[in-house]
């Protein structure tokens, strides 16, 4: 028997979507830093898929994570600016955002009148 602590496993779909958003965030940072454009990455991915047909995923399988509303983009920009302004490391930023997610979930449960 393993000594590892038991943790609730994440469904494959949730893990895939989580990875998708993390990659989208990395792309966003690269573009904002002027290191590349989203179109450059799209072109590279298209070329990779052309050379490796088995790696192709239908375009409709997942939504394009970078197609956000202007309000969402503004909020993300403001959050990133604050994280950078306060010098939070990647790990601390992730922990902070995870805590914020739990607070939002808790608020939603309270609003619905449930606490479970």
N, C-alpha and C. Protein backbone atom coordinates (compact mmCIF):
# COMPACT_ATOMS: atom_id res chain seq x y z
N UNK A 1 0.84 -1.18 0.00
CA UNK A 1 0.00 0.00 0.00
C UNK A 1 0.88 1.24 0.00
N UNK A 2 0.49 2.21 -0.73
CA UNK A 2 1.27 3.43 -0.89
C UNK A 2 1.09 4.37 0.30
N UNK A 3 2.15 5.10 0.65
CA UNK A 3 2.07 6.09 1.72
C UNK A 3 1.57 7.44 1.22
N UNK A 4 1.39 7.54 -0.10
CA UNK A 4 0.93 8.82 -0.65
C UNK A 4 -0.45 9.15 -0.11
N UNK A 5 -0.66 10.44 0.15
CA UNK A 5 -1.98 10.85 0.63
C UNK A 5 -2.99 10.71 -0.50
N UNK A 6 -4.18 10.31 -0.15
CA UNK A 6 -5.21 10.15 -1.16
C UNK A 6 -5.80 11.51 -1.48
N UNK A 7 -5.93 11.76 -2.77
CA UNK A 7 -6.51 13.01 -3.23
C UNK A 7 -7.60 12.66 -4.22
N UNK A 8 -8.59 13.51 -4.26
CA UNK A 8 -9.66 13.31 -5.22
C UNK A 8 -9.08 13.47 -6.61
N UNK A 9 -9.33 12.49 -7.48
CA UNK A 9 -8.79 12.58 -8.83
C UNK A 9 -9.65 13.49 -9.68
N UNK A 10 -9.01 14.08 -10.67
CA UNK A 10 -9.69 15.01 -11.55
C UNK A 10 -10.13 14.25 -12.80
N UNK A 11 -11.39 14.40 -13.21
CA UNK A 11 -11.83 13.74 -14.44
C UNK A 11 -10.99 14.20 -15.63
N UNK A 12 -10.84 13.33 -16.62
CA UNK A 12 -10.01 13.63 -17.78
C UNK A 12 -10.45 14.91 -18.48
N UNK A 13 -11.76 15.09 -18.65
CA UNK A 13 -12.24 16.30 -19.31
C UNK A 13 -11.83 17.55 -18.54
N UNK A 14 -11.97 17.51 -17.22
CA UNK A 14 -11.60 18.67 -16.40
C UNK A 14 -10.11 18.94 -16.49
N UNK A 15 -9.30 17.87 -16.47
CA UNK A 15 -7.85 18.03 -16.57
C UNK A 15 -7.47 18.62 -17.93
N UNK A 16 -8.15 18.15 -18.97
CA UNK A 16 -7.87 18.65 -20.31
C UNK A 16 -8.21 20.13 -20.43
N UNK A 17 -9.37 20.51 -19.92
CA UNK A 17 -9.78 21.91 -19.97
C UNK A 17 -8.83 22.76 -19.12
N UNK A 18 -8.43 22.24 -17.97
CA UNK A 18 -7.49 22.95 -17.12
C UNK A 18 -6.17 23.18 -17.86
N UNK A 19 -5.67 22.14 -18.53
CA UNK A 19 -4.44 22.29 -19.31
C UNK A 19 -4.62 23.31 -20.42
N UNK A 20 -5.79 23.28 -21.07
CA UNK A 20 -6.07 24.21 -22.16
C UNK A 20 -5.97 25.65 -21.66
N UNK A 21 -6.57 25.93 -20.50
CA UNK A 21 -6.55 27.30 -19.96
C UNK A 21 -5.14 27.71 -19.56
N UNK A 22 -4.36 26.75 -19.02
CA UNK A 22 -2.99 27.08 -18.65
C UNK A 22 -2.17 27.42 -19.89
N UNK A 23 -2.37 26.66 -20.96
CA UNK A 23 -1.66 26.95 -22.20
C UNK A 23 -2.10 28.29 -22.76
N UNK A 24 -3.40 28.56 -22.69
CA UNK A 24 -3.91 29.85 -23.16
C UNK A 24 -3.28 31.00 -22.38
N UNK A 25 -3.11 30.81 -21.08
CA UNK A 25 -2.49 31.86 -20.26
C UNK A 25 -1.04 32.07 -20.67
N UNK A 26 -0.33 30.99 -20.94
CA UNK A 26 1.06 31.10 -21.37
C UNK A 26 1.14 31.85 -22.70
N UNK A 27 0.25 31.50 -23.63
CA UNK A 27 0.21 32.19 -24.92
C UNK A 27 -0.06 33.67 -24.71
N UNK A 28 -0.98 33.98 -23.83
CA UNK A 28 -1.34 35.37 -23.55
C UNK A 28 -0.12 36.13 -23.02
N UNK A 29 0.62 35.52 -22.10
CA UNK A 29 1.80 36.18 -21.54
C UNK A 29 2.86 36.38 -22.61
N UNK A 30 3.09 35.35 -23.43
CA UNK A 30 4.09 35.48 -24.50
C UNK A 30 3.74 36.62 -25.45
N UNK A 31 2.45 36.73 -25.77
CA UNK A 31 2.03 37.81 -26.67
C UNK A 31 2.18 39.17 -26.01
N UNK A 32 1.77 39.27 -24.75
CA UNK A 32 1.85 40.56 -24.05
C UNK A 32 3.30 41.01 -23.87
N UNK A 33 4.20 40.05 -23.72
CA UNK A 33 5.62 40.39 -23.57
C UNK A 33 6.27 40.67 -24.92
N UNK A 34 5.50 40.50 -26.00
CA UNK A 34 6.02 40.78 -27.33
C UNK A 34 6.93 39.70 -27.87
N UNK A 35 6.89 38.51 -27.29
CA UNK A 35 7.76 37.43 -27.73
C UNK A 35 7.21 36.68 -28.93
N UNK A 36 5.90 36.68 -29.09
CA UNK A 36 5.28 36.06 -30.26
C UNK A 36 3.83 36.51 -30.34
N UNK A 37 3.21 36.24 -31.46
CA UNK A 37 1.80 36.55 -31.65
C UNK A 37 1.01 35.25 -31.63
N UNK A 38 -0.27 35.35 -31.26
CA UNK A 38 -1.12 34.16 -31.25
C UNK A 38 -1.15 33.51 -32.62
N UNK A 39 -1.17 34.33 -33.65
CA UNK A 39 -1.21 33.79 -35.01
C UNK A 39 0.05 32.97 -35.30
N UNK A 40 1.21 33.42 -34.80
CA UNK A 40 2.45 32.64 -34.99
C UNK A 40 2.29 31.25 -34.38
N UNK A 41 1.77 31.20 -33.15
CA UNK A 41 1.58 29.91 -32.49
C UNK A 41 0.55 29.06 -33.23
N UNK A 42 -0.52 29.69 -33.70
CA UNK A 42 -1.53 28.97 -34.45
C UNK A 42 -0.92 28.36 -35.71
N UNK A 43 -0.07 29.13 -36.40
CA UNK A 43 0.58 28.64 -37.62
C UNK A 43 1.49 27.46 -37.31
N UNK A 44 2.23 27.54 -36.21
CA UNK A 44 3.13 26.44 -35.82
C UNK A 44 2.32 25.19 -35.49
N UNK A 45 1.23 25.37 -34.75
CA UNK A 45 0.37 24.22 -34.41
C UNK A 45 -0.23 23.61 -35.67
N UNK A 46 -0.68 24.44 -36.60
CA UNK A 46 -1.25 23.95 -37.86
C UNK A 46 -0.20 23.15 -38.63
N UNK A 47 1.01 23.66 -38.69
CA UNK A 47 2.10 22.95 -39.36
C UNK A 47 2.40 21.62 -38.67
N UNK A 48 2.45 21.64 -37.35
CA UNK A 48 2.69 20.41 -36.58
C UNK A 48 1.60 19.37 -36.87
N UNK A 49 0.35 19.80 -36.88
CA UNK A 49 -0.75 18.88 -37.16
C UNK A 49 -0.68 18.34 -38.59
N UNK A 50 -0.25 19.19 -39.53
CA UNK A 50 -0.12 18.74 -40.91
C UNK A 50 0.93 17.66 -41.02
N UNK A 51 2.04 17.83 -40.31
CA UNK A 51 3.12 16.85 -40.35
C UNK A 51 2.81 15.59 -39.52
N UNK A 52 1.93 15.73 -38.55
CA UNK A 52 1.59 14.63 -37.65
C UNK A 52 0.07 14.46 -37.59
N UNK A 53 -0.52 13.85 -38.62
CA UNK A 53 -1.98 13.78 -38.69
C UNK A 53 -2.63 13.10 -37.49
N UNK A 54 -1.94 12.17 -36.86
CA UNK A 54 -2.53 11.49 -35.71
C UNK A 54 -2.66 12.43 -34.51
N UNK A 55 -1.93 13.55 -34.52
CA UNK A 55 -1.98 14.50 -33.42
C UNK A 55 -3.10 15.52 -33.61
N UNK A 56 -3.78 15.45 -34.75
CA UNK A 56 -4.83 16.43 -35.03
C UNK A 56 -6.05 16.20 -34.16
N UNK A 57 -6.59 17.29 -33.69
CA UNK A 57 -7.83 17.28 -32.91
C UNK A 57 -8.79 18.18 -33.67
N UNK A 58 -10.03 17.75 -33.84
CA UNK A 58 -10.97 18.61 -34.55
C UNK A 58 -11.04 20.00 -33.92
N UNK A 59 -11.14 21.01 -34.75
CA UNK A 59 -11.17 22.39 -34.25
C UNK A 59 -12.34 22.63 -33.32
N UNK A 60 -13.38 21.83 -33.45
CA UNK A 60 -14.58 22.02 -32.62
C UNK A 60 -14.50 21.28 -31.29
N UNK A 61 -13.42 20.54 -31.06
CA UNK A 61 -13.33 19.74 -29.83
C UNK A 61 -13.30 20.62 -28.58
N UNK A 62 -12.62 21.75 -28.66
CA UNK A 62 -12.51 22.64 -27.52
C UNK A 62 -12.70 24.07 -27.99
N UNK A 63 -13.27 24.92 -27.16
CA UNK A 63 -13.40 26.32 -27.56
C UNK A 63 -12.04 26.98 -27.58
N UNK A 64 -11.89 28.00 -28.39
CA UNK A 64 -10.64 28.75 -28.41
C UNK A 64 -10.59 29.59 -27.15
N UNK A 65 -9.66 29.29 -26.24
CA UNK A 65 -9.66 29.95 -24.94
C UNK A 65 -9.35 31.43 -24.98
N UNK A 66 -8.77 31.89 -26.07
CA UNK A 66 -8.39 33.30 -26.11
C UNK A 66 -9.48 34.18 -26.70
N UNK A 67 -10.64 33.60 -27.03
CA UNK A 67 -11.74 34.41 -27.55
C UNK A 67 -12.63 34.83 -26.39
N UNK A 68 -12.18 35.78 -25.65
CA UNK A 68 -12.89 36.27 -24.48
C UNK A 68 -13.56 37.59 -24.81
N UNK A 69 -14.50 37.97 -23.97
CA UNK A 69 -15.14 39.27 -24.16
C UNK A 69 -14.14 40.36 -23.77
N UNK A 70 -14.42 41.57 -24.19
CA UNK A 70 -13.55 42.69 -23.84
C UNK A 70 -13.48 42.86 -22.33
N UNK A 71 -14.62 42.68 -21.66
CA UNK A 71 -14.65 42.79 -20.19
C UNK A 71 -13.75 41.73 -19.56
N UNK A 72 -13.85 40.49 -20.04
CA UNK A 72 -13.00 39.42 -19.50
C UNK A 72 -11.52 39.72 -19.73
N UNK A 73 -11.19 40.20 -20.92
CA UNK A 73 -9.79 40.54 -21.21
C UNK A 73 -9.30 41.65 -20.30
N UNK A 74 -10.15 42.64 -20.04
CA UNK A 74 -9.78 43.75 -19.15
C UNK A 74 -9.53 43.24 -17.74
N UNK A 75 -10.42 42.37 -17.26
CA UNK A 75 -10.26 41.81 -15.91
C UNK A 75 -8.97 41.01 -15.82
N UNK A 76 -8.70 40.18 -16.83
CA UNK A 76 -7.47 39.39 -16.83
C UNK A 76 -6.25 40.30 -16.85
N UNK A 77 -6.28 41.33 -17.68
CA UNK A 77 -5.17 42.29 -17.72
C UNK A 77 -4.94 42.92 -16.35
N UNK A 78 -6.02 43.32 -15.70
CA UNK A 78 -5.90 43.95 -14.38
C UNK A 78 -5.35 42.98 -13.34
N UNK A 79 -5.81 41.73 -13.38
CA UNK A 79 -5.31 40.73 -12.44
C UNK A 79 -3.82 40.50 -12.66
N UNK A 80 -3.42 40.31 -13.92
CA UNK A 80 -1.99 40.09 -14.21
C UNK A 80 -1.15 41.28 -13.79
N UNK A 81 -1.66 42.48 -14.02
CA UNK A 81 -0.95 43.70 -13.62
C UNK A 81 -0.74 43.72 -12.10
N UNK A 82 -1.80 43.38 -11.35
CA UNK A 82 -1.69 43.36 -9.88
C UNK A 82 -0.69 42.30 -9.41
N UNK A 83 -0.75 41.12 -10.01
CA UNK A 83 0.17 40.04 -9.61
C UNK A 83 1.61 40.48 -9.87
N UNK A 84 1.85 41.08 -11.02
CA UNK A 84 3.20 41.56 -11.35
C UNK A 84 3.61 42.71 -10.44
N UNK A 85 2.69 43.64 -10.19
CA UNK A 85 2.97 44.81 -9.36
C UNK A 85 3.44 44.39 -7.96
N UNK A 86 2.81 43.35 -7.43
CA UNK A 86 3.14 42.90 -6.08
C UNK A 86 4.21 41.82 -6.06
N UNK A 87 4.76 41.49 -7.22
CA UNK A 87 5.88 40.57 -7.29
C UNK A 87 5.57 39.14 -6.89
N UNK A 88 4.33 38.71 -7.09
CA UNK A 88 3.98 37.35 -6.72
C UNK A 88 4.62 36.36 -7.68
N UNK A 89 5.15 35.30 -7.12
CA UNK A 89 5.71 34.24 -7.95
C UNK A 89 4.57 33.47 -8.61
N UNK A 90 4.91 32.64 -9.57
CA UNK A 90 3.90 31.81 -10.23
C UNK A 90 3.15 30.97 -9.21
N UNK A 91 3.87 30.34 -8.30
CA UNK A 91 3.25 29.47 -7.30
C UNK A 91 2.31 30.27 -6.38
N UNK A 92 2.78 31.40 -5.91
CA UNK A 92 1.93 32.23 -5.04
C UNK A 92 0.72 32.76 -5.78
N UNK A 93 0.90 33.13 -7.06
CA UNK A 93 -0.22 33.61 -7.86
C UNK A 93 -1.26 32.51 -8.05
N UNK A 94 -0.80 31.30 -8.34
CA UNK A 94 -1.73 30.18 -8.51
C UNK A 94 -2.49 29.90 -7.22
N UNK A 95 -1.78 29.90 -6.11
CA UNK A 95 -2.44 29.66 -4.82
C UNK A 95 -3.49 30.74 -4.54
N UNK A 96 -3.14 31.98 -4.81
CA UNK A 96 -4.07 33.08 -4.58
C UNK A 96 -5.32 32.93 -5.45
N UNK A 97 -5.12 32.61 -6.73
CA UNK A 97 -6.26 32.46 -7.63
C UNK A 97 -7.12 31.24 -7.27
N UNK A 98 -6.49 30.17 -6.81
CA UNK A 98 -7.25 29.00 -6.34
C UNK A 98 -8.09 29.37 -5.12
N UNK A 99 -7.50 30.12 -4.19
CA UNK A 99 -8.26 30.57 -3.01
C UNK A 99 -9.41 31.46 -3.42
N UNK A 100 -9.18 32.35 -4.38
CA UNK A 100 -10.25 33.21 -4.87
C UNK A 100 -11.37 32.37 -5.48
N UNK A 101 -11.02 31.33 -6.23
CA UNK A 101 -12.02 30.44 -6.80
C UNK A 101 -12.86 29.78 -5.73
N UNK A 102 -12.21 29.34 -4.65
CA UNK A 102 -12.96 28.71 -3.54
C UNK A 102 -13.88 29.72 -2.86
N UNK A 103 -13.42 30.95 -2.71
CA UNK A 103 -14.25 32.00 -2.10
C UNK A 103 -15.48 32.26 -2.98
N UNK A 104 -15.27 32.33 -4.29
CA UNK A 104 -16.39 32.56 -5.21
C UNK A 104 -17.39 31.40 -5.15
N UNK A 105 -16.87 30.16 -5.10
CA UNK A 105 -17.76 28.99 -5.00
C UNK A 105 -18.55 29.03 -3.71
N UNK A 106 -17.88 29.40 -2.62
CA UNK A 106 -18.55 29.48 -1.33
C UNK A 106 -19.65 30.54 -1.37
N UNK A 107 -19.35 31.69 -1.97
CA UNK A 107 -20.35 32.75 -2.09
C UNK A 107 -21.54 32.30 -2.91
N UNK A 108 -21.27 31.53 -3.95
CA UNK A 108 -22.36 31.03 -4.78
C UNK A 108 -23.24 30.06 -4.00
N UNK A 109 -22.61 29.19 -3.20
CA UNK A 109 -23.39 28.25 -2.39
C UNK A 109 -24.22 28.98 -1.35
N UNK A 110 -23.65 30.00 -0.73
CA UNK A 110 -24.39 30.77 0.26
C UNK A 110 -25.58 31.47 -0.39
N UNK A 111 -25.34 32.01 -1.59
CA UNK A 111 -26.42 32.69 -2.31
C UNK A 111 -27.56 31.73 -2.65
N UNK A 112 -27.20 30.46 -2.91
CA UNK A 112 -28.22 29.46 -3.23
C UNK A 112 -28.85 28.86 -1.97
N UNK A 113 -28.26 29.18 -0.82
CA UNK A 113 -28.80 28.68 0.45
C UNK A 113 -28.29 27.30 0.83
N UNK A 114 -27.19 26.86 0.21
CA UNK A 114 -26.59 25.57 0.56
C UNK A 114 -25.19 25.79 1.05
N UNK A 115 -24.70 24.89 1.86
CA UNK A 115 -23.32 25.00 2.35
C UNK A 115 -22.53 23.75 2.04
N UNK A 116 -23.06 22.79 1.33
CA UNK A 116 -22.34 21.55 0.98
C UNK A 116 -21.69 21.65 -0.35
